[in-house]
Amino acid sequence: MCRQSNLTRHLASAALLAILAAGLGGCQTMSDVAGSITSRSDPTPDDPRRAVEAYGERYRKNPKDVAAAVAYGQALRANGQRAQAAAVLEQATIANPGNKALLAQYGRALADNGNSQAAFDVLSRAHSPDNPDWRILSVQGTTLDKMNRHEEARRYYASALRLAPDEPSVLSNLGLSYMLTKDLPKAEETLRQAYASARADTRIRQNLALVVGLQGRFAEAETIVKADLPSDEAAANVAYLRDMLNRKDGPRTASRAAPVVAKDD
């Protein structure tokens, strides 16, 4: 029993790395923040490398163009070039001080790179107490979770939920916060509330499957996963969880990989 508890702790640590690399559920909400300043009519190349080239050319023609900088930054992030994305967005914020949508994207990029305190500070400037944005509050919560300030993070999630009651992406982040402090029943309860929403997406379902699997209920986790993944991929994810809980060398292997918990936007 003690060994399984230790493995669960290490699994949660591995999951934290994966979740925070993707910004928890925040990646979903931050794309909404940027939506208002990018043209919906702009063609978006399906290939991330092509997107980098297309938006990079547009950005280089006018580095002060906010929409161009945001589009280029998002394309760089999607292509895995997160440090470069942060650098581009930093320069854009210098050229456009006070642009809140741009600050939101820059804060998100900093969070991607593990600069949690800097990300939190920048995101604080992206909205104001008299005009708070629930999306940004939720992402600020994820940065606090990454700094192990879980109680404080949950206050931010609570504020976000007051502005957007029952918002599934916020509930998902809150559920993962409980998971990180090993309160798995509370994590499951919160994630099931998110999962029940008609707006729940693949990431939320995968987060619920993760928490259910961490409690050893693999058949149930597989059922949840199968709602969104081909059967072979679903089985592989659940098999990974089962393997991690059964291995004697679980703590060592946990540092090398983690279950699928969220996709980046």
Protein backbone atom coordinates (compact mmCIF):
# COMPACT_ATOMS: atom_id res chain seq x y z
CA MET A 1 0.00 0.00 0.00
CA CYS A 2 2.84 2.36 0.91
CA ARG A 3 4.61 1.55 -2.37
CA GLN A 4 1.46 2.34 -4.38
CA SER A 5 1.08 5.64 -2.49
CA ASN A 6 4.66 6.55 -3.35
CA LEU A 7 4.13 5.64 -7.00
CA THR A 8 0.96 7.70 -7.09
CA ARG A 9 2.92 10.65 -5.76
CA HIS A 10 5.56 10.26 -8.43
CA LEU A 11 2.91 9.77 -11.10
CA ALA A 12 1.33 13.04 -10.00
CA SER A 13 4.74 14.72 -10.26
CA ALA A 14 5.21 13.35 -13.77
CA ALA A 15 1.71 14.41 -14.69
CA LEU A 16 2.45 17.90 -13.33
CA LEU A 17 5.36 18.21 -15.74
CA ALA A 18 3.15 17.24 -18.65
CA ILE A 19 0.23 19.39 -17.56
CA LEU A 20 2.32 22.46 -16.92
CA ALA A 21 4.28 22.03 -20.12
CA ALA A 22 0.91 22.46 -21.79
CA GLY A 23 -0.16 25.19 -19.42
CA LEU A 24 -2.76 23.02 -17.71
CA GLY A 25 -6.08 23.83 -19.27
CA GLY A 26 -4.93 27.39 -19.67
CA CYS A 27 -3.79 26.88 -23.21
CA GLN A 28 -7.40 26.56 -24.17
CA THR A 29 -8.52 29.74 -22.48
CA MET A 30 -5.60 31.89 -23.58
CA SER A 31 -6.37 31.20 -27.22
CA ASP A 32 -9.76 32.76 -26.55
CA VAL A 33 -8.07 35.88 -25.18
CA ALA A 34 -6.15 36.35 -28.41
CA GLY A 35 -9.09 35.63 -30.67
CA SER A 36 -10.35 39.19 -30.70
CA ILE A 37 -7.15 40.63 -32.16
CA THR A 38 -6.48 38.11 -34.91
CA SER A 39 -8.44 38.05 -38.14
CA ARG A 40 -10.85 35.14 -38.44
CA SER A 41 -10.50 35.37 -42.22
CA ASP A 42 -6.75 34.78 -42.15
CA PRO A 43 -5.88 31.39 -43.66
CA THR A 44 -4.07 29.24 -41.11
CA PRO A 45 -1.69 26.67 -42.60
CA ASP A 46 -2.29 23.17 -41.26
CA ASP A 47 1.45 22.46 -41.11
CA PRO A 48 2.97 24.26 -38.08
CA ARG A 49 6.20 24.86 -40.00
CA ARG A 50 4.29 26.53 -42.82
CA ALA A 51 2.41 28.63 -40.29
CA VAL A 52 5.71 29.79 -38.78
CA GLU A 53 6.98 30.79 -42.22
CA ALA A 54 3.75 32.55 -43.23
CA TYR A 55 3.22 34.47 -40.00
CA GLY A 56 6.93 35.09 -39.57
CA GLU A 57 7.07 36.86 -42.94
CA ARG A 58 4.08 38.98 -41.98
CA TYR A 59 5.64 39.82 -38.60
CA ARG A 60 9.01 40.78 -40.07
CA LYS A 61 7.31 43.25 -42.41
CA ASN A 62 5.93 45.10 -39.39
CA PRO A 63 7.18 43.92 -35.97
CA LYS A 64 4.95 46.50 -34.26
CA ASP A 65 1.77 44.92 -35.68
CA VAL A 66 0.04 43.37 -32.66
CA ALA A 67 -2.04 40.84 -34.63
CA ALA A 68 1.04 39.75 -36.61
CA ALA A 69 3.09 39.32 -33.44
CA VAL A 70 0.36 37.28 -31.74
CA ALA A 71 -0.17 35.04 -34.78
CA TYR A 72 3.57 34.49 -35.14
CA GLY A 73 3.96 33.78 -31.44
CA GLN A 74 1.14 31.23 -31.51
CA ALA A 75 2.61 29.56 -34.60
CA LEU A 76 6.03 29.32 -32.92
CA ARG A 77 4.46 27.75 -29.84
CA ALA A 78 2.55 25.24 -31.94
CA ASN A 79 5.84 24.31 -33.62
CA GLY A 80 7.56 23.78 -30.28
CA GLN A 81 9.64 26.98 -30.51
CA ARG A 82 8.44 28.35 -27.21
CA ALA A 83 11.52 30.35 -26.22
CA GLN A 84 11.42 32.13 -29.57
CA ALA A 85 7.71 32.76 -29.15
CA ALA A 86 8.36 34.43 -25.79
CA ALA A 87 11.10 36.58 -27.33
CA VAL A 88 8.85 37.73 -30.19
CA LEU A 89 6.01 38.58 -27.82
CA GLU A 90 8.34 40.37 -25.43
CA GLN A 91 9.49 42.67 -28.22
CA ALA A 92 5.89 43.22 -29.24
CA THR A 93 4.93 44.28 -25.71
CA ILE A 94 7.82 46.75 -25.67
CA ALA A 95 6.56 48.24 -28.94
CA ASN A 96 2.95 48.22 -27.71
CA PRO A 97 3.03 48.92 -23.96
CA GLY A 98 -0.28 48.49 -22.23
CA ASN A 99 -1.89 46.27 -24.86
CA LYS A 100 -3.71 43.83 -22.60
CA ALA A 101 -4.39 41.14 -25.21
CA LEU A 102 -0.71 41.13 -26.11
CA LEU A 103 0.31 40.99 -22.45
CA ALA A 104 -1.99 37.99 -22.05
CA GLN A 105 -0.20 36.17 -24.84
CA TYR A 106 3.24 37.12 -23.54
CA GLY A 107 2.32 35.88 -20.07
CA ARG A 108 1.15 32.62 -21.58
CA ALA A 109 4.44 32.23 -23.44
CA LEU A 110 6.40 32.85 -20.25
CA ALA A 111 4.33 30.18 -18.51
CA ASP A 112 5.15 27.78 -21.35
CA ASN A 113 8.84 28.28 -20.64
CA GLY A 114 8.53 27.69 -16.92
CA ASN A 115 8.96 31.34 -15.94
CA SER A 116 6.04 31.09 -13.56
CA GLN A 117 6.56 34.17 -11.41
CA ALA A 118 7.27 36.39 -14.43
CA ALA A 119 4.23 34.91 -16.18
CA PHE A 120 2.03 35.63 -13.17
CA ASP A 121 3.28 39.23 -12.98
CA VAL A 122 2.73 39.87 -16.70
CA LEU A 123 -0.72 38.29 -16.60
CA SER A 124 -1.60 40.55 -13.67
CA ARG A 125 -1.05 43.51 -16.01
CA ALA A 126 -3.23 41.92 -18.71
CA HIS A 127 -6.43 42.73 -16.79
CA SER A 128 -7.46 44.80 -13.77
CA PRO A 129 -9.38 44.21 -10.53
CA ASP A 130 -12.21 46.44 -11.75
CA ASN A 131 -12.38 44.57 -15.08
CA PRO A 132 -11.11 41.02 -14.45
CA ASP A 133 -10.93 38.38 -17.17
CA TRP A 134 -11.87 34.89 -15.99
CA ARG A 135 -9.64 33.33 -18.64
CA ILE A 136 -6.58 35.13 -17.34
CA LEU A 137 -7.51 34.39 -13.72
CA SER A 138 -7.59 30.70 -14.62
CA VAL A 139 -4.15 30.83 -16.25
CA GLN A 140 -2.78 32.72 -13.26
CA GLY A 141 -4.05 29.86 -11.15
CA THR A 142 -2.03 27.41 -13.23
CA THR A 143 1.15 29.44 -12.73
CA LEU A 144 0.56 29.41 -8.98
CA ASP A 145 0.01 25.65 -9.04
CA LYS A 146 3.34 25.29 -10.81
CA MET A 147 4.97 27.22 -7.96
CA ASN A 148 3.29 24.85 -5.46
CA ARG A 149 1.09 27.69 -4.18
CA HIS A 150 -2.00 25.52 -4.49
CA GLU A 151 -4.31 27.23 -1.99
CA GLU A 152 -3.62 30.58 -3.62
CA ALA A 153 -4.18 29.05 -7.06
CA ARG A 154 -7.60 27.80 -5.98
CA ARG A 155 -8.61 31.31 -4.93
CA TYR A 156 -7.92 32.42 -8.51
CA TYR A 157 -9.97 29.54 -9.89
CA ALA A 158 -12.78 30.47 -7.49
CA SER A 159 -12.68 34.07 -8.74
CA ALA A 160 -12.77 32.83 -12.34
CA LEU A 161 -15.78 30.63 -11.56
CA ARG A 162 -17.65 33.55 -10.00
CA LEU A 163 -17.31 35.32 -13.34
CA ALA A 164 -17.94 32.20 -15.43
CA PRO A 165 -19.99 29.74 -13.34
CA ASP A 166 -19.44 26.06 -14.18
CA GLU A 167 -16.90 26.91 -16.88
CA PRO A 168 -15.43 23.47 -17.67
CA SER A 169 -11.89 24.65 -18.48
CA VAL A 170 -11.60 26.36 -15.08
CA LEU A 171 -13.10 23.37 -13.30
CA SER A 172 -10.57 21.16 -15.08
CA ASN A 173 -7.69 23.31 -13.86
CA LEU A 174 -9.12 23.24 -10.35
CA GLY A 175 -9.45 19.46 -10.49
CA LEU A 176 -5.84 19.10 -11.56
CA SER A 177 -4.82 21.40 -8.71
CA TYR A 178 -6.44 18.97 -6.27
CA MET A 179 -4.67 16.10 -8.02
CA LEU A 180 -1.31 17.76 -7.45
CA THR A 181 -1.92 17.78 -3.69
CA LYS A 182 -3.04 14.10 -3.91
CA ASP A 183 -6.66 14.87 -3.03
CA LEU A 184 -7.81 12.46 -5.73
CA PRO A 185 -11.47 12.13 -4.63
CA LYS A 186 -11.87 15.92 -4.70
CA ALA A 187 -10.03 16.06 -8.03
CA GLU A 188 -12.37 13.46 -9.48
CA GLU A 189 -15.48 15.22 -8.15
CA THR A 190 -14.40 18.51 -9.73
CA LEU A 191 -13.36 16.96 -13.03
CA ARG A 192 -16.65 15.07 -13.26
CA GLN A 193 -18.44 18.39 -12.92
CA ALA A 194 -16.35 19.71 -15.81
CA TYR A 195 -16.89 16.50 -17.79
CA ALA A 196 -20.67 16.84 -17.44
CA SER A 197 -20.64 20.12 -19.34
CA ALA A 198 -21.75 20.10 -22.96
CA ARG A 199 -18.63 22.20 -23.62
CA ALA A 200 -16.19 19.64 -22.21
CA ASP A 201 -13.46 18.83 -24.71
CA THR A 202 -10.92 16.06 -25.18
CA ARG A 203 -8.46 17.53 -22.70
CA ILE A 204 -11.01 17.58 -19.90
CA ARG A 205 -11.98 13.98 -20.55
CA GLN A 206 -8.33 12.94 -20.58
CA ASN A 207 -7.75 14.76 -17.27
CA LEU A 208 -10.65 12.87 -15.71
CA ALA A 209 -9.32 9.57 -17.06
CA LEU A 210 -5.93 10.37 -15.55
CA VAL A 211 -7.38 10.97 -12.08
CA VAL A 212 -9.56 7.87 -12.27
CA GLY A 213 -6.55 5.82 -13.39
CA LEU A 214 -4.41 7.19 -10.57
CA GLN A 215 -6.97 5.66 -8.20
CA GLY A 216 -6.46 2.26 -9.81
CA ARG A 217 -9.79 2.09 -11.69
CA PHE A 218 -8.26 1.32 -15.07
CA ALA A 219 -11.31 -0.16 -16.80
CA GLU A 220 -13.28 2.96 -15.99
CA ALA A 221 -10.41 5.18 -17.12
CA GLU A 222 -10.26 3.29 -20.41
CA THR A 223 -13.99 3.81 -20.95
CA ILE A 224 -13.55 7.55 -20.46
CA VAL A 225 -10.53 7.70 -22.74
CA LYS A 226 -12.28 5.74 -25.50
CA ALA A 227 -14.75 8.58 -25.93
CA ASP A 228 -12.02 10.57 -27.69
CA LEU A 229 -9.23 8.26 -28.81
CA PRO A 230 -8.97 5.26 -31.08
CA SER A 231 -9.16 2.06 -29.04
CA ASP A 232 -5.47 1.23 -29.46
CA GLU A 233 -4.38 4.67 -28.23
CA ALA A 234 -6.85 4.56 -25.35
CA ALA A 235 -5.59 1.14 -24.29
CA ALA A 236 -1.99 2.33 -24.51
CA ASN A 237 -2.66 5.25 -22.18
CA VAL A 238 -4.41 3.09 -19.61
CA ALA A 239 -1.72 0.40 -19.92
CA TYR A 240 0.87 3.06 -19.12
CA LEU A 241 -0.95 3.99 -15.92
CA ARG A 242 -1.27 0.35 -14.89
CA ASP A 243 2.39 -0.29 -15.64
CA MET A 244 3.51 2.74 -13.62
CA LEU A 245 1.53 1.67 -10.56
CA ASN A 246 2.85 -1.89 -10.75
CA ARG A 247 6.52 -1.24 -11.48
CA LYS A 248 8.98 -1.35 -8.61
CA ASP A 249 11.08 1.21 -10.48
CA GLY A 250 8.08 3.47 -11.00
CA PRO A 251 9.66 6.62 -9.52
CA ARG A 252 12.56 6.38 -11.96
CA THR A 253 10.49 5.72 -15.09
CA ALA A 254 7.97 8.38 -14.10
CA SER A 255 10.58 11.04 -14.80
CA ARG A 256 10.88 9.91 -18.41
CA ALA A 257 7.24 10.00 -19.51
CA ALA A 258 3.75 10.89 -18.42
CA PRO A 259 0.20 10.01 -19.45
CA VAL A 260 -1.52 12.15 -22.03
CA VAL A 261 -3.35 14.86 -20.08
CA ALA A 262 -3.74 17.90 -22.29
CA LYS A 263 -2.92 19.12 -25.73
CA ASP A 264 -1.48 22.49 -26.54
CA ASP A 265 -3.46 24.89 -28.74
